[in-house]
C-alpha atoms as a PDB file:
ATOM      1  CA  MET A   1     -20.864   1.924  18.716  1.00  0.00           C
ATOM      2  CA  PHE A   2     -20.692   4.452  15.097  1.00  0.00           C
ATOM      3  CA  THR A   3     -20.603   7.075  17.646  1.00  0.00           C
ATOM      4  CA  LEU A   4     -16.986   5.452  19.443  1.00  0.00           C
ATOM      5  CA  VAL A   5     -15.700   4.935  15.868  1.00  0.00           C
ATOM      6  CA  ALA A   6     -15.969   8.424  14.588  1.00  0.00           C
ATOM      7  CA  TYR A   7     -14.812   9.789  17.746  1.00  0.00           C
ATOM      8  CA  ASP A   8     -11.610   7.620  17.934  1.00  0.00           C
ATOM      9  CA  HIS A   9     -11.090   8.472  13.777  1.00  0.00           C
ATOM     10  CA  LEU A  10     -11.438  12.031  14.870  1.00  0.00           C
ATOM     11  CA  MET A  11      -9.250  12.485  17.497  1.00  0.00           C
ATOM     12  CA  THR A  12      -6.432  10.662  15.900  1.00  0.00           C
ATOM     13  CA  PHE A  13      -6.938  11.955  12.349  1.00  0.00           C
ATOM     14  CA  ALA A  14      -4.013  14.613  13.521  1.00  0.00           C
ATOM     15  CA  ASP A  15      -1.599  11.751  14.174  1.00  0.00           C
ATOM     16  CA  GLU A  16      -2.864   9.440  11.202  1.00  0.00           C
ATOM     17  CA  LEU A  17      -1.925  12.564   8.949  1.00  0.00           C
ATOM     18  CA  GLU A  18       1.812  12.833  10.438  1.00  0.00           C
ATOM     19  CA  LEU A  19       2.507   9.365  10.680  1.00  0.00           C
ATOM     20  CA  VAL A  20       1.357   7.640   7.668  1.00  0.00           C
ATOM     21  CA  TRP A  21       0.594  10.522   4.826  1.00  0.00           C
ATOM     22  CA  ARG A  22       3.548  12.980   5.217  1.00  0.00           C
ATOM     23  CA  ARG A  23       5.977   9.885   5.506  1.00  0.00           C
ATOM     24  CA  LYS A  24       7.615   7.967   2.684  1.00  0.00           C
ATOM     25  CA  PHE A  25       4.998   4.453   1.911  1.00  0.00           C
ATOM     26  CA  THR A  26       7.020   1.579   3.354  1.00  0.00           C
ATOM     27  CA  VAL A  27       5.319  -1.948   4.215  1.00  0.00           C
ATOM     28  CA  ALA A  28       3.709  -0.774   7.707  1.00  0.00           C
ATOM     29  CA  THR A  29       2.429   1.728   5.757  1.00  0.00           C
ATOM     30  CA  TRP A  30       0.256  -0.199   3.543  1.00  0.00           C
ATOM     31  CA  LEU A  31      -0.689  -2.379   6.108  1.00  0.00           C
ATOM     32  CA  PHE A  32      -2.054   0.315   7.937  1.00  0.00           C
ATOM     33  CA  LEU A  33      -4.112   1.479   4.787  1.00  0.00           C
ATOM     34  CA  THR A  34      -5.140  -2.132   4.376  1.00  0.00           C
ATOM     35  CA  VAL A  35      -6.313  -2.676   7.604  1.00  0.00           C
ATOM     36  CA  SER A  36      -8.420   0.690   7.885  1.00  0.00           C
ATOM     37  CA  ALA A  37      -9.721   0.374   4.488  1.00  0.00           C
ATOM     38  CA  TRP A  38     -11.083  -3.155   5.621  1.00  0.00           C
ATOM     39  CA  CYS A  39     -12.972  -2.569   8.365  1.00  0.00           C
ATOM     40  CA  TYR A  40     -14.164   0.228   7.102  1.00  0.00           C
ATOM     41  CA  SER A  41     -15.939  -1.234   3.762  1.00  0.00           C
ATOM     42  CA  ALA A  42     -16.516  -4.117   6.746  1.00  0.00           C
ATOM     43  CA  ARG A  43     -18.480  -1.192   8.502  1.00  0.00           C
ATOM     44  CA  MET A  44     -20.217  -0.136   5.488  1.00  0.00           C
ATOM     45  CA  ARG A  45     -21.564  -3.791   4.246  1.00  0.00           C
ATOM     46  CA  ASN A  46     -22.667  -4.020   7.764  1.00  0.00           C
ATOM     47  CA  VAL A  47     -24.821  -0.943   7.593  1.00  0.00           C
ATOM     48  CA  TYR A  48     -25.906  -1.968   3.376  1.00  0.00           C
ATOM     49  CA  LEU A  49     -27.110  -5.567   4.882  1.00  0.00           C
ATOM     50  CA  THR A  50     -28.571  -4.939   8.372  1.00  0.00           C
ATOM     51  CA  GLY A  51     -30.542  -2.000   7.391  1.00  0.00           C
ATOM     52  CA  TYR A  52     -28.373   0.232  10.273  1.00  0.00           C
ATOM     53  CA  ARG A  53     -28.312  -2.338  12.371  1.00  0.00           C
ATOM     54  CA  ILE A  54     -25.145  -2.573  14.735  1.00  0.00           C
ATOM     55  CA  ALA A  55     -23.577  -6.304  14.369  1.00  0.00           C
ATOM     56  CA  THR A  56     -23.245  -8.205  17.777  1.00  0.00           C
ATOM     57  CA  THR A  57     -21.016 -10.857  15.877  1.00  0.00           C
ATOM     58  CA  ALA A  58     -18.754 -11.683  13.411  1.00  0.00           C
ATOM     59  CA  SER A  59     -21.059 -14.060  11.450  1.00  0.00           C
ATOM     60  CA  SER A  60     -23.664 -11.237  10.926  1.00  0.00           C
ATOM     61  CA  LEU A  61     -20.844  -9.480   9.738  1.00  0.00           C
ATOM     62  CA  PHE A  62     -19.585 -11.300   7.290  1.00  0.00           C
ATOM     63  CA  GLY A  63     -21.996 -14.316   6.652  1.00  0.00           C
END
């Protein structure tokens, strides 16, 4: 799963630079950045708490 997320991020990074970072910050920009940061932090929290195992349910991520 991590490999797919990393691949997706690498493939869309150029678009993210153009569409998010190089434009005026709007509510949509802040929403995108908030959701992105939340997903990244949830993944890192999961890696830390489970010892690098991939979560299979939402309860293992947030419980």
